[in-house]
Amino acid sequence: MSSTNTNCLAGVKRPHCGSEDAFYISARVLAYVTDGGAEAADYASIDWDPDSHTECAECCGHGLFSDFSTSII
């Protein structure tokens, strides 16, 4: 099964609804934090792995990122 995505979401699809468009993924990021708030550091990457909590923006279904993979991560 191939995905229409070719970048960050290549090989990712919600099995229940078939969405490939957008997901909420629990990720790790280095943040710049002050008393006024927080934002991703300018040089930070955003990282997730197969065990990261993931939610489909279309149907709100959730599971591990690996549950949404159509290929080996």
Protein backbone atom coordinates (compact mmCIF):
# COMPACT_ATOMS: atom_id res chain seq x y z
CA MET A 1 0.00 0.00 0.00
CA SER A 2 1.58 3.29 -1.02
CA SER A 3 0.99 6.75 0.35
CA THR A 4 0.47 9.95 -1.60
CA ASN A 5 2.74 11.77 0.87
CA THR A 6 6.45 12.04 0.07
CA ASN A 7 7.89 14.01 3.01
CA CYS A 8 7.19 13.90 6.79
CA LEU A 9 4.07 11.77 6.33
CA ALA A 10 5.38 9.36 3.71
CA GLY A 11 3.95 5.94 4.54
CA VAL A 12 1.47 7.30 7.11
CA LYS A 13 -2.29 6.73 6.87
CA ARG A 14 -5.15 6.32 9.36
CA PRO A 15 -6.42 2.76 8.78
CA HIS A 16 -9.97 3.56 9.95
CA CYS A 17 -10.78 6.56 7.75
CA GLY A 18 -7.93 6.45 5.22
CA SER A 19 -6.79 10.01 5.94
CA GLU A 20 -3.23 10.89 4.97
CA ASP A 21 -3.57 14.67 5.34
CA ALA A 22 -2.87 15.73 8.94
CA PHE A 23 -2.12 14.22 12.32
CA TYR A 24 -1.40 15.38 15.85
CA ILE A 25 1.77 13.64 17.03
CA SER A 26 3.21 13.83 20.52
CA ALA A 27 6.77 15.00 19.85
CA ARG A 28 9.96 16.02 21.58
CA VAL A 29 11.34 19.48 20.89
CA LEU A 30 13.94 21.70 22.50
CA ALA A 31 12.03 24.76 23.72
CA TYR A 32 13.12 28.28 24.58
CA VAL A 33 11.13 29.08 27.72
CA THR A 34 10.74 32.36 29.60
CA ASP A 35 8.19 33.49 32.13
CA GLY A 36 6.23 34.93 29.21
CA GLY A 37 5.83 31.62 27.37
CA ALA A 38 7.58 28.99 25.30
CA GLU A 39 8.48 28.41 21.66
CA ALA A 40 10.59 25.94 19.72
CA ALA A 41 14.26 26.91 19.76
CA ASP A 42 15.44 28.34 16.42
CA TYR A 43 17.78 25.41 15.77
CA ALA A 44 15.57 22.68 17.29
CA SER A 45 14.23 19.66 15.48
CA ILE A 46 10.86 18.11 16.21
CA ASP A 47 11.20 14.37 16.85
CA TRP A 48 8.78 11.48 17.25
CA ASP A 49 9.13 7.72 17.09
CA PRO A 50 6.97 4.62 16.51
CA ASP A 51 5.71 4.77 20.14
CA SER A 52 4.57 8.42 19.97
CA HIS A 53 0.88 9.08 20.66
CA THR A 54 -0.82 10.06 17.38
CA GLU A 55 -4.30 11.39 16.60
CA CYS A 56 -5.97 11.70 13.20
CA ALA A 57 -7.07 15.29 12.52
CA GLU A 58 -9.92 13.95 10.33
CA CYS A 59 -11.64 11.31 12.50
CA CYS A 60 -9.95 11.90 15.91
CA GLY A 61 -8.91 8.25 16.06
CA HIS A 62 -5.73 7.68 18.03
CA GLY A 63 -3.01 5.19 18.77
CA LEU A 64 0.73 4.81 18.42
CA PHE A 65 2.45 6.38 15.42
CA SER A 66 3.35 2.84 14.31
CA ASP A 67 -0.41 2.05 14.09
CA PHE A 68 -0.64 4.65 11.30
CA SER A 69 2.34 3.37 9.33
CA THR A 70 1.84 1.68 5.99
CA SER A 71 5.54 0.76 5.88
CA ILE A 72 8.31 -0.12 8.29
CA ILE A 73 9.52 2.98 10.14
